[in-house]
Amino acid sequence: MGNLNIAFVGALGLAPEIGKKGTVTDMTFYEVKDGNDSITLIEPSKYPDKLSSLFYSVQMAEFVVLVVDKIDSFLGETIVMLDSQHKSKGWLVLRNYIQPEQVTPLLAGTCLEGYEVKEEDPTAMRIALVEMAKAEKRVAGDGTCGSCPVDSHFNVKGVGTVVLGSVADGYFKVHDKMKVFPLGKEVVLRSIQKHDINADDGVKGDHVGLALKGIESDELDRGYVITTDPSVKMTDYFNGIVEYNRFWKNPLKEGMMIHVGHWMQMVPAHVSAAADRVSLEFDGKIIHKPGDEAVAMYLEGGKLRVIGRIVLP
């Protein structure tokens, strides 16, 4: 069973020409099924008003379709967000007679330099993306524990609590005992669905629905993490280096309030010290594995709100 999560960013409107509309929150999901294989298309439907909409859409994706219909500050911010999350696999779709040489300087020095310019042909794109999904051949059993950040959650009559999200890493199986962060609560994975089809396991990159035993839906929230990985931890403080993106001109200053994004979390953080190393005090705790990268954002940053990257302890 192959699956591929694809962020459609930049100009919106291409994803619904390719897939069938599904869940709508601050992101809109579309899906295409071909036998047991599928693709999940994700549009940041609340961007640019909500930077979180773009962050979450990119965070969940393994492949990107960047649609350019004008060259403006939002395109620049989208490119920086993609680069900050190392999204190096993707297509570039150009509209309104925009030429590749007009966009190339914006991609120079970023991980987007290798994006293939693609003609806007929804039928051909659908076929090609499904073929990519088939080639994924996701297999559980490599010994790596798995984590699934919660995107949405609800109660289903006769089933119980169901969580929707994308497997961030590793894998897990039906009947596994899993821990819910930040609650520290143990649950049992009752069943797994991928695009409404029952499955035995969830593997990195799969978009899944998880039925959980031992927790109520109203105990959960977006950003919580369901995991079998004992290395997952929570941190309320950071002291280290900020890797600024090349377009960010002003280093962080003491007293600023920023947000740090990781998995399905955007956690407010107070800058308590700023020099060669920056100290951040989180408003609450951020859930992560040791050494995970996170994206630093400043929501009052005007035309560019993406600061750069930090490495969590």
C-alpha atoms as a PDB file:
ATOM      1  CA  MET A   1       0.000   0.000   0.000  1.00  0.00           C
ATOM      2  CA  GLY A   2       1.697   3.182  -1.207  1.00  0.00           C
ATOM      3  CA  ASN A   3       0.860   6.697  -0.091  1.00  0.00           C
ATOM      4  CA  LEU A   4       2.353  10.127  -0.687  1.00  0.00           C
ATOM      5  CA  ASN A   5       1.551  13.374   1.140  1.00  0.00           C
ATOM      6  CA  ILE A   6       1.848  16.385  -1.174  1.00  0.00           C
ATOM      7  CA  ALA A   7       1.669  20.056  -0.194  1.00  0.00           C
ATOM      8  CA  PHE A   8       0.123  22.298  -2.863  1.00  0.00           C
ATOM      9  CA  VAL A   9       1.392  25.750  -1.923  1.00  0.00           C
ATOM     10  CA  GLY A  10       1.637  29.171  -3.546  1.00  0.00           C
ATOM     11  CA  ALA A  11      -1.509  29.862  -5.554  1.00  0.00           C
ATOM     12  CA  LEU A  12      -4.422  27.659  -4.460  1.00  0.00           C
ATOM     13  CA  GLY A  13      -6.938  25.847  -6.645  1.00  0.00           C
ATOM     14  CA  LEU A  14      -4.922  23.154  -8.423  1.00  0.00           C
ATOM     15  CA  ALA A  15      -5.370  20.393  -5.820  1.00  0.00           C
ATOM     16  CA  PRO A  16      -9.193  20.222  -6.238  1.00  0.00           C
ATOM     17  CA  GLU A  17      -8.668  19.612  -9.973  1.00  0.00           C
ATOM     18  CA  ILE A  18      -6.635  16.519  -9.090  1.00  0.00           C
ATOM     19  CA  GLY A  19      -8.210  14.994  -5.983  1.00  0.00           C
ATOM     20  CA  LYS A  20     -11.498  14.559  -4.136  1.00  0.00           C
ATOM     21  CA  LYS A  21     -12.126  17.028  -1.329  1.00  0.00           C
ATOM     22  CA  GLY A  22     -11.946  15.658   2.210  1.00  0.00           C
ATOM     23  CA  THR A  23     -11.357  17.178   5.640  1.00  0.00           C
ATOM     24  CA  VAL A  24     -11.319  20.978   5.914  1.00  0.00           C
ATOM     25  CA  THR A  25      -9.755  22.863   8.835  1.00  0.00           C
ATOM     26  CA  ASP A  26      -7.086  25.523   8.359  1.00  0.00           C
ATOM     27  CA  MET A  27      -5.856  23.036   5.767  1.00  0.00           C
ATOM     28  CA  THR A  28      -7.915  21.413   3.034  1.00  0.00           C
ATOM     29  CA  PHE A  29      -7.233  17.777   2.193  1.00  0.00           C
ATOM     30  CA  TYR A  30      -7.886  16.080  -1.148  1.00  0.00           C
ATOM     31  CA  GLU A  31      -7.294  12.446  -1.979  1.00  0.00           C
ATOM     32  CA  VAL A  32      -6.807  10.193  -4.962  1.00  0.00           C
ATOM     33  CA  LYS A  33      -7.098   6.411  -4.691  1.00  0.00           C
ATOM     34  CA  ASP A  34      -5.794   3.866  -7.152  1.00  0.00           C
ATOM     35  CA  GLY A  35      -6.456   0.387  -5.785  1.00  0.00           C
ATOM     36  CA  ASN A  36      -4.531   0.158  -2.522  1.00  0.00           C
ATOM     37  CA  ASP A  37      -2.354   3.138  -3.407  1.00  0.00           C
ATOM     38  CA  SER A  38      -3.242   6.749  -2.695  1.00  0.00           C
ATOM     39  CA  ILE A  39      -2.060  10.337  -2.617  1.00  0.00           C
ATOM     40  CA  THR A  40      -3.044  12.984  -0.081  1.00  0.00           C
ATOM     41  CA  LEU A  41      -3.014  16.587  -1.301  1.00  0.00           C
ATOM     42  CA  ILE A  42      -2.796  19.348   1.308  1.00  0.00           C
ATOM     43  CA  GLU A  43      -3.577  23.025   0.690  1.00  0.00           C
ATOM     44  CA  PRO A  44      -2.894  25.713   3.333  1.00  0.00           C
ATOM     45  CA  SER A  45      -6.369  27.215   2.969  1.00  0.00           C
ATOM     46  CA  LYS A  46      -5.914  29.897   5.668  1.00  0.00           C
ATOM     47  CA  TYR A  47      -2.553  31.186   4.421  1.00  0.00           C
ATOM     48  CA  PRO A  48      -1.400  33.994   4.252  1.00  0.00           C
ATOM     49  CA  ASP A  49      -3.635  35.150   7.118  1.00  0.00           C
ATOM     50  CA  LYS A  50      -2.442  32.264   9.293  1.00  0.00           C
ATOM     51  CA  LEU A  51       1.213  31.312   8.964  1.00  0.00           C
ATOM     52  CA  SER A  52       0.417  28.133  10.907  1.00  0.00           C
ATOM     53  CA  SER A  53      -1.701  26.929   7.973  1.00  0.00           C
ATOM     54  CA  LEU A  54       1.377  26.994   5.731  1.00  0.00           C
ATOM     55  CA  PHE A  55       3.671  25.529   8.388  1.00  0.00           C
ATOM     56  CA  TYR A  56       1.417  22.535   9.100  1.00  0.00           C
ATOM     57  CA  SER A  57       0.780  21.825   5.407  1.00  0.00           C
ATOM     58  CA  VAL A  58       4.499  21.787   4.645  1.00  0.00           C
ATOM     59  CA  GLN A  59       5.310  19.826   7.801  1.00  0.00           C
ATOM     60  CA  MET A  60       3.020  16.962   6.776  1.00  0.00           C
ATOM     61  CA  ALA A  61       4.293  16.747   3.199  1.00  0.00           C
ATOM     62  CA  GLU A  62       6.968  14.620   1.558  1.00  0.00           C
ATOM     63  CA  PHE A  63       6.590  16.251  -1.858  1.00  0.00           C
ATOM     64  CA  VAL A  64       5.665  19.802  -2.877  1.00  0.00           C
ATOM     65  CA  VAL A  65       3.863  21.402  -5.802  1.00  0.00           C
ATOM     66  CA  LEU A  66       4.688  25.125  -5.769  1.00  0.00           C
ATOM     67  CA  VAL A  67       2.225  27.046  -7.948  1.00  0.00           C
ATOM     68  CA  VAL A  68       3.390  30.553  -8.881  1.00  0.00           C
ATOM     69  CA  ASP A  69       0.869  33.000 -10.332  1.00  0.00           C
ATOM     70  CA  LYS A  70       2.664  36.162  -9.143  1.00  0.00           C
ATOM     71  CA  ILE A  71       5.969  37.094  -7.611  1.00  0.00           C
ATOM     72  CA  ASP A  72       5.379  38.785  -4.267  1.00  0.00           C
ATOM     73  CA  SER A  73       6.349  38.628  -0.584  1.00  0.00           C
ATOM     74  CA  PHE A  74       4.058  35.647   0.056  1.00  0.00           C
ATOM     75  CA  LEU A  75       5.870  33.615  -2.588  1.00  0.00           C
ATOM     76  CA  GLY A  76       9.147  34.559  -0.912  1.00  0.00           C
ATOM     77  CA  GLU A  77       7.847  33.531   2.512  1.00  0.00           C
ATOM     78  CA  THR A  78       6.567  30.224   1.115  1.00  0.00           C
ATOM     79  CA  ILE A  79       9.971  29.472  -0.415  1.00  0.00           C
ATOM     80  CA  VAL A  80      11.678  30.234   2.915  1.00  0.00           C
ATOM     81  CA  MET A  81       9.221  27.973   4.782  1.00  0.00           C
ATOM     82  CA  LEU A  82       9.882  25.101   2.366  1.00  0.00           C
ATOM     83  CA  ASP A  83      13.636  25.582   2.658  1.00  0.00           C
ATOM     84  CA  SER A  84      13.449  25.761   6.458  1.00  0.00           C
ATOM     85  CA  GLN A  85      11.848  22.307   6.450  1.00  0.00           C
ATOM     86  CA  HIS A  86      14.230  20.810   3.844  1.00  0.00           C
ATOM     87  CA  LYS A  87      11.489  20.106   1.296  1.00  0.00           C
ATOM     88  CA  SER A  88      13.839  19.355  -1.587  1.00  0.00           C
ATOM     89  CA  LYS A  89      11.492  17.211  -3.708  1.00  0.00           C
ATOM     90  CA  GLY A  90       8.919  19.045  -5.769  1.00  0.00           C
ATOM     91  CA  TRP A  91       7.480  20.565  -8.911  1.00  0.00           C
ATOM     92  CA  LEU A  92       7.247  24.189  -9.968  1.00  0.00           C
ATOM     93  CA  VAL A  93       4.065  25.202 -11.833  1.00  0.00           C
ATOM     94  CA  LEU A  94       4.151  28.645 -13.463  1.00  0.00           C
ATOM     95  CA  ARG A  95       1.087  30.695 -14.393  1.00  0.00           C
ATOM     96  CA  ASN A  96       0.358  34.069 -15.986  1.00  0.00           C
ATOM     97  CA  TYR A  97       3.257  33.789 -18.429  1.00  0.00           C
ATOM     98  CA  ILE A  98       5.831  33.816 -15.615  1.00  0.00           C
ATOM     99  CA  GLN A  99       9.098  32.380 -16.920  1.00  0.00           C
ATOM    100  CA  PRO A 100      11.500  30.076 -15.041  1.00  0.00           C
ATOM    101  CA  GLU A 101      14.266  32.689 -15.156  1.00  0.00           C
ATOM    102  CA  GLN A 102      12.043  35.041 -13.147  1.00  0.00           C
ATOM    103  CA  VAL A 103      11.764  32.533 -10.300  1.00  0.00           C
ATOM    104  CA  THR A 104      15.236  30.977 -10.425  1.00  0.00           C
ATOM    105  CA  PRO A 105      16.950  33.804  -8.454  1.00  0.00           C
ATOM    106  CA  LEU A 106      14.477  33.287  -5.597  1.00  0.00           C
ATOM    107  CA  LEU A 107      15.282  29.567  -5.423  1.00  0.00           C
ATOM    108  CA  ALA A 108      19.055  29.996  -5.647  1.00  0.00           C
ATOM    109  CA  GLY A 109      20.841  28.732  -2.548  1.00  0.00           C
ATOM    110  CA  THR A 110      17.742  26.913  -1.257  1.00  0.00           C
ATOM    111  CA  CYS A 111      16.797  23.240  -1.347  1.00  0.00           C
ATOM    112  CA  LEU A 112      14.187  24.122  -3.998  1.00  0.00           C
ATOM    113  CA  GLU A 113      16.817  24.586  -6.721  1.00  0.00           C
ATOM    114  CA  GLY A 114      16.118  21.087  -8.041  1.00  0.00           C
ATOM    115  CA  TYR A 115      12.341  21.509  -8.448  1.00  0.00           C
ATOM    116  CA  GLU A 116      11.182  20.380 -11.885  1.00  0.00           C
ATOM    117  CA  VAL A 117       9.159  22.889 -13.920  1.00  0.00           C
ATOM    118  CA  LYS A 118       5.899  21.125 -14.715  1.00  0.00           C
ATOM    119  CA  GLU A 119       3.106  21.988 -17.133  1.00  0.00           C
ATOM    120  CA  GLU A 120      -0.251  22.537 -15.413  1.00  0.00           C
ATOM    121  CA  ASP A 121      -2.053  19.416 -16.584  1.00  0.00           C
ATOM    122  CA  PRO A 122      -4.161  17.960 -13.715  1.00  0.00           C
ATOM    123  CA  THR A 123      -4.720  14.596 -15.418  1.00  0.00           C
ATOM    124  CA  ALA A 124      -1.051  14.024 -16.205  1.00  0.00           C
ATOM    125  CA  MET A 125      -0.046  15.261 -12.751  1.00  0.00           C
ATOM    126  CA  ARG A 126      -2.493  12.885 -11.057  1.00  0.00           C
ATOM    127  CA  ILE A 127      -1.065   9.921 -12.965  1.00  0.00           C
ATOM    128  CA  ALA A 128       2.532  10.893 -12.174  1.00  0.00           C
ATOM    129  CA  LEU A 129       1.863  11.488  -8.471  1.00  0.00           C
ATOM    130  CA  VAL A 130       0.071   8.147  -8.094  1.00  0.00           C
ATOM    131  CA  GLU A 131       3.042   6.436  -9.714  1.00  0.00           C
ATOM    132  CA  MET A 132       5.300   8.126  -7.142  1.00  0.00           C
ATOM    133  CA  ALA A 133       3.047   6.800  -4.370  1.00  0.00           C
ATOM    134  CA  LYS A 134       3.200   3.261  -5.778  1.00  0.00           C
ATOM    135  CA  ALA A 135       6.984   3.461  -5.765  1.00  0.00           C
ATOM    136  CA  GLU A 136       7.077   4.326  -2.043  1.00  0.00           C
ATOM    137  CA  LYS A 137       6.447   0.693  -1.002  1.00  0.00           C
ATOM    138  CA  ARG A 138       6.238   1.564   2.682  1.00  0.00           C
ATOM    139  CA  VAL A 139       7.103  -1.421   4.874  1.00  0.00           C
ATOM    140  CA  ALA A 140       6.819  -1.752   8.657  1.00  0.00           C
ATOM    141  CA  GLY A 141       9.307  -3.768  10.661  1.00  0.00           C
ATOM    142  CA  ASP A 142      12.598  -1.885  10.575  1.00  0.00           C
ATOM    143  CA  GLY A 143      12.710  -1.825  14.391  1.00  0.00           C
ATOM    144  CA  THR A 144      12.011   1.913  14.633  1.00  0.00           C
ATOM    145  CA  CYS A 145       9.287   3.057  17.015  1.00  0.00           C
ATOM    146  CA  GLY A 146       6.711   5.401  15.528  1.00  0.00           C
ATOM    147  CA  SER A 147       5.032   8.715  16.344  1.00  0.00           C
ATOM    148  CA  CYS A 148       1.868  10.332  15.011  1.00  0.00           C
ATOM    149  CA  PRO A 149       1.191  14.001  15.831  1.00  0.00           C
ATOM    150  CA  VAL A 150      -2.523  14.759  16.194  1.00  0.00           C
ATOM    151  CA  ASP A 151      -4.052  16.945  13.498  1.00  0.00           C
ATOM    152  CA  SER A 152      -7.698  16.433  14.413  1.00  0.00           C
ATOM    153  CA  HIS A 153      -9.711  14.166  16.708  1.00  0.00           C
ATOM    154  CA  PHE A 154     -13.330  13.192  17.245  1.00  0.00           C
ATOM    155  CA  ASN A 155     -15.610  10.510  18.617  1.00  0.00           C
ATOM    156  CA  VAL A 156     -17.167   7.903  16.303  1.00  0.00           C
ATOM    157  CA  LYS A 157     -20.212   5.992  17.509  1.00  0.00           C
ATOM    158  CA  GLY A 158     -19.370   2.327  17.925  1.00  0.00           C
ATOM    159  CA  VAL A 159     -15.644   2.986  17.456  1.00  0.00           C
ATOM    160  CA  GLY A 160     -14.680   5.518  20.111  1.00  0.00           C
ATOM    161  CA  THR A 161     -11.917   8.092  19.927  1.00  0.00           C
ATOM    162  CA  VAL A 162     -10.353   8.589  16.483  1.00  0.00           C
ATOM    163  CA  VAL A 163      -7.270  10.654  15.696  1.00  0.00           C
ATOM    164  CA  LEU A 164      -6.262  11.864  12.230  1.00  0.00           C
ATOM    165  CA  GLY A 165      -2.653  12.674  11.381  1.00  0.00           C
ATOM    166  CA  SER A 166       0.431  11.710   9.406  1.00  0.00           C
ATOM    167  CA  VAL A 167       3.014   9.305  10.793  1.00  0.00           C
ATOM    168  CA  ALA A 168       6.080  11.457  11.505  1.00  0.00           C
ATOM    169  CA  ASP A 169       8.606   8.633  11.726  1.00  0.00           C
ATOM    170  CA  GLY A 170       9.025   4.922  12.281  1.00  0.00           C
ATOM    171  CA  TYR A 171       6.003   2.647  12.388  1.00  0.00           C
ATOM    172  CA  PHE A 172       3.437   1.145  14.748  1.00  0.00           C
ATOM    173  CA  LYS A 173       0.908  -1.698  14.538  1.00  0.00           C
ATOM    174  CA  VAL A 174      -2.644  -2.478  15.565  1.00  0.00           C
ATOM    175  CA  HIS A 175      -2.880  -3.424  19.277  1.00  0.00           C
ATOM    176  CA  ASP A 176       0.348  -1.559  20.151  1.00  0.00           C
ATOM    177  CA  LYS A 177       0.423   0.204  23.490  1.00  0.00           C
ATOM    178  CA  MET A 178       1.113   3.888  22.844  1.00  0.00           C
ATOM    179  CA  LYS A 179       1.805   6.925  25.012  1.00  0.00           C
ATOM    180  CA  VAL A 180      -0.017  10.221  24.582  1.00  0.00           C
ATOM    181  CA  PHE A 181       2.068  13.374  25.068  1.00  0.00           C
ATOM    182  CA  PRO A 182       1.785  15.705  26.924  1.00  0.00           C
ATOM    183  CA  LEU A 183      -0.712  13.749  29.047  1.00  0.00           C
ATOM    184  CA  GLY A 184       1.592  10.812  29.757  1.00  0.00           C
ATOM    185  CA  LYS A 185      -1.415   8.543  29.321  1.00  0.00           C
ATOM    186  CA  GLU A 186      -1.152   5.011  27.920  1.00  0.00           C
ATOM    187  CA  VAL A 187      -3.635   3.934  25.239  1.00  0.00           C
ATOM    188  CA  VAL A 188      -4.107   0.914  23.017  1.00  0.00           C
ATOM    189  CA  LEU A 189      -4.223   1.278  19.246  1.00  0.00           C
ATOM    190  CA  ARG A 190      -7.509  -0.433  18.455  1.00  0.00           C
ATOM    191  CA  SER A 191      -7.410  -0.057  14.654  1.00  0.00           C
ATOM    192  CA  ILE A 192      -5.765   1.842  11.792  1.00  0.00           C
ATOM    193  CA  GLN A 193      -7.303   3.153   8.604  1.00  0.00           C
ATOM    194  CA  LYS A 194      -5.613   4.637   5.553  1.00  0.00           C
ATOM    195  CA  HIS A 195      -8.067   6.428   3.260  1.00  0.00           C
ATOM    196  CA  ASP A 196     -10.976   4.494   4.836  1.00  0.00           C
ATOM    197  CA  ILE A 197      -9.269   1.124   4.286  1.00  0.00           C
ATOM    198  CA  ASN A 198      -8.332  -0.980   7.340  1.00  0.00           C
ATOM    199  CA  ALA A 199      -4.598  -1.527   7.732  1.00  0.00           C
ATOM    200  CA  ASP A 200      -2.339  -3.515  10.062  1.00  0.00           C
ATOM    201  CA  ASP A 201       0.258  -0.804  10.526  1.00  0.00           C
ATOM    202  CA  GLY A 202       1.136   2.871  10.114  1.00  0.00           C
ATOM    203  CA  VAL A 203       4.474   3.729   8.511  1.00  0.00           C
ATOM    204  CA  LYS A 204       6.319   7.044   8.202  1.00  0.00           C
ATOM    205  CA  GLY A 205       4.473   9.242   5.710  1.00  0.00           C
ATOM    206  CA  ASP A 206       1.142   7.432   5.946  1.00  0.00           C
ATOM    207  CA  HIS A 207      -1.911   9.650   6.453  1.00  0.00           C
ATOM    208  CA  VAL A 208      -3.868   7.651   9.018  1.00  0.00           C
ATOM    209  CA  GLY A 209      -6.938   7.459  11.176  1.00  0.00           C
ATOM    210  CA  LEU A 210      -6.189   5.818  14.533  1.00  0.00           C
ATOM    211  CA  ALA A 211      -8.904   4.409  16.791  1.00  0.00           C
ATOM    212  CA  LEU A 212      -7.684   4.598  20.384  1.00  0.00           C
ATOM    213  CA  LYS A 213      -8.812   2.744  23.490  1.00  0.00           C
ATOM    214  CA  GLY A 214      -8.268   4.367  26.868  1.00  0.00           C
ATOM    215  CA  ILE A 215      -8.797   8.057  26.105  1.00  0.00           C
ATOM    216  CA  GLU A 216     -11.678  10.376  25.271  1.00  0.00           C
ATOM    217  CA  SER A 217     -11.645  12.747  22.315  1.00  0.00           C
ATOM    218  CA  ASP A 218     -12.152  15.796  24.534  1.00  0.00           C
ATOM    219  CA  GLU A 219      -8.880  14.987  26.341  1.00  0.00           C
ATOM    220  CA  LEU A 220      -6.929  15.547  23.124  1.00  0.00           C
ATOM    221  CA  ASP A 221      -5.829  18.599  21.173  1.00  0.00           C
ATOM    222  CA  ARG A 222      -3.997  19.332  17.936  1.00  0.00           C
ATOM    223  CA  GLY A 223      -0.275  18.994  18.485  1.00  0.00           C
ATOM    224  CA  TYR A 224      -0.517  16.130  20.960  1.00  0.00           C
ATOM    225  CA  VAL A 225       1.616  13.134  19.958  1.00  0.00           C
ATOM    226  CA  ILE A 226       0.680   9.439  19.992  1.00  0.00           C
ATOM    227  CA  THR A 227       3.849   7.363  20.089  1.00  0.00           C
ATOM    228  CA  THR A 228       5.594   4.066  20.808  1.00  0.00           C
ATOM    229  CA  ASP A 229       8.980   5.821  20.851  1.00  0.00           C
ATOM    230  CA  PRO A 230      10.576   6.008  24.327  1.00  0.00           C
ATOM    231  CA  SER A 231      12.908   8.810  23.183  1.00  0.00           C
ATOM    232  CA  VAL A 232      10.038  11.298  22.740  1.00  0.00           C
ATOM    233  CA  LYS A 233      10.288  14.001  25.409  1.00  0.00           C
ATOM    234  CA  MET A 234       8.991  17.437  26.380  1.00  0.00           C
ATOM    235  CA  THR A 235      11.105  20.577  26.727  1.00  0.00           C
ATOM    236  CA  ASP A 236      10.239  23.963  28.197  1.00  0.00           C
ATOM    237  CA  TYR A 237      13.587  25.708  27.592  1.00  0.00           C
ATOM    238  CA  PHE A 238      16.080  26.119  24.738  1.00  0.00           C
ATOM    239  CA  ASN A 239      19.595  27.538  24.720  1.00  0.00           C
ATOM    240  CA  GLY A 240      21.521  27.299  21.485  1.00  0.00           C
ATOM    241  CA  ILE A 241      22.215  28.598  18.009  1.00  0.00           C
ATOM    242  CA  VAL A 242      19.539  29.949  15.688  1.00  0.00           C
ATOM    243  CA  GLU A 243      20.248  29.186  12.025  1.00  0.00           C
ATOM    244  CA  TYR A 244      18.755  32.303  10.431  1.00  0.00           C
ATOM    245  CA  ASN A 245      17.507  32.082   6.863  1.00  0.00           C
ATOM    246  CA  ARG A 246      19.436  34.314   4.484  1.00  0.00           C
ATOM    247  CA  PHE A 247      16.547  36.762   4.082  1.00  0.00           C
ATOM    248  CA  TRP A 248      16.137  37.430   7.816  1.00  0.00           C
ATOM    249  CA  LYS A 249      17.947  40.692   8.534  1.00  0.00           C
ATOM    250  CA  ASN A 250      17.525  41.321  12.279  1.00  0.00           C
ATOM    251  CA  PRO A 251      18.783  38.859  14.932  1.00  0.00           C
ATOM    252  CA  LEU A 252      16.458  38.010  17.785  1.00  0.00           C
ATOM    253  CA  LYS A 253      16.391  40.390  20.726  1.00  0.00           C
ATOM    254  CA  GLU A 254      15.709  39.846  24.403  1.00  0.00           C
ATOM    255  CA  GLY A 255      12.039  40.344  25.195  1.00  0.00           C
ATOM    256  CA  MET A 256      10.673  39.220  21.814  1.00  0.00           C
ATOM    257  CA  MET A 257       7.861  36.662  21.667  1.00  0.00           C
ATOM    258  CA  ILE A 258       8.261  34.169  18.830  1.00  0.00           C
ATOM    259  CA  HIS A 259       6.714  30.802  17.934  1.00  0.00           C
ATOM    260  CA  VAL A 260       8.543  27.510  17.461  1.00  0.00           C
ATOM    261  CA  GLY A 261       6.982  24.961  15.118  1.00  0.00           C
ATOM    262  CA  HIS A 262       7.571  21.223  15.309  1.00  0.00           C
ATOM    263  CA  TRP A 263       5.298  18.428  14.084  1.00  0.00           C
ATOM    264  CA  MET A 264       1.753  19.784  14.601  1.00  0.00           C
ATOM    265  CA  GLN A 265       2.762  22.290  17.266  1.00  0.00           C
ATOM    266  CA  MET A 266       3.377  26.039  17.164  1.00  0.00           C
ATOM    267  CA  VAL A 267       4.494  26.887  20.680  1.00  0.00           C
ATOM    268  CA  PRO A 268       4.954  30.499  21.879  1.00  0.00           C
ATOM    269  CA  ALA A 269       8.449  31.175  23.204  1.00  0.00           C
ATOM    270  CA  HIS A 270       9.844  34.179  25.078  1.00  0.00           C
ATOM    271  CA  VAL A 271      13.394  35.260  24.144  1.00  0.00           C
ATOM    272  CA  SER A 272      15.055  35.549  27.562  1.00  0.00           C
ATOM    273  CA  ALA A 273      18.595  36.110  26.250  1.00  0.00           C
ATOM    274  CA  ALA A 274      20.018  36.843  22.818  1.00  0.00           C
ATOM    275  CA  ALA A 275      23.677  36.940  21.808  1.00  0.00           C
ATOM    276  CA  ASP A 276      25.728  34.317  19.966  1.00  0.00           C
ATOM    277  CA  ARG A 277      23.433  31.831  21.653  1.00  0.00           C
ATOM    278  CA  VAL A 278      19.716  32.412  22.143  1.00  0.00           C
ATOM    279  CA  SER A 279      17.690  31.367  25.185  1.00  0.00           C
ATOM    280  CA  LEU A 280      13.985  30.620  24.767  1.00  0.00           C
ATOM    281  CA  GLU A 281      11.424  29.944  27.478  1.00  0.00           C
ATOM    282  CA  PHE A 282       8.459  28.069  26.016  1.00  0.00           C
ATOM    283  CA  ASP A 283       4.909  28.889  27.005  1.00  0.00           C
ATOM    284  CA  GLY A 284       4.216  25.308  28.006  1.00  0.00           C
ATOM    285  CA  LYS A 285       6.298  22.483  26.603  1.00  0.00           C
ATOM    286  CA  ILE A 286       7.237  21.360  23.116  1.00  0.00           C
ATOM    287  CA  ILE A 287       7.079  17.637  22.260  1.00  0.00           C
ATOM    288  CA  HIS A 288       9.989  16.249  20.246  1.00  0.00           C
ATOM    289  CA  LYS A 289      12.787  13.717  19.928  1.00  0.00           C
ATOM    290  CA  PRO A 290      16.370  14.677  20.853  1.00  0.00           C
ATOM    291  CA  GLY A 291      18.036  16.477  17.954  1.00  0.00           C
ATOM    292  CA  ASP A 292      14.837  17.257  16.050  1.00  0.00           C
ATOM    293  CA  GLU A 293      14.843  20.457  14.024  1.00  0.00           C
ATOM    294  CA  ALA A 294      12.142  23.076  14.588  1.00  0.00           C
ATOM    295  CA  VAL A 295      11.186  26.256  12.717  1.00  0.00           C
ATOM    296  CA  ALA A 296      11.374  29.613  14.496  1.00  0.00           C
ATOM    297  CA  MET A 297       8.740  32.157  13.421  1.00  0.00           C
ATOM    298  CA  TYR A 298       7.918  35.754  14.339  1.00  0.00           C
ATOM    299  CA  LEU A 299       4.258  36.436  13.619  1.00  0.00           C
ATOM    300  CA  GLU A 300       4.790  40.210  13.801  1.00  0.00           C
ATOM    301  CA  GLY A 301       7.539  40.016  11.184  1.00  0.00           C
ATOM    302  CA  GLY A 302       5.606  41.734   8.391  1.00  0.00           C
ATOM    303  CA  LYS A 303       6.479  40.473   4.919  1.00  0.00           C
ATOM    304  CA  LEU A 304       8.679  37.672   6.260  1.00  0.00           C
ATOM    305  CA  ARG A 305       7.629  35.785   9.378  1.00  0.00           C
ATOM    306  CA  VAL A 306       9.967  32.772   9.105  1.00  0.00           C
ATOM    307  CA  ILE A 307      13.157  33.302  11.105  1.00  0.00           C
ATOM    308  CA  GLY A 308      15.052  30.057  10.603  1.00  0.00           C
ATOM    309  CA  ARG A 309      15.790  26.771  12.347  1.00  0.00           C
ATOM    310  CA  ILE A 310      16.796  25.556  15.786  1.00  0.00           C
ATOM    311  CA  VAL A 311      17.826  22.078  16.955  1.00  0.00           C
ATOM    312  CA  LEU A 312      15.879  20.889  19.975  1.00  0.00           C
ATOM    313  CA  PRO A 313      17.876  19.294  22.836  1.00  0.00           C
END
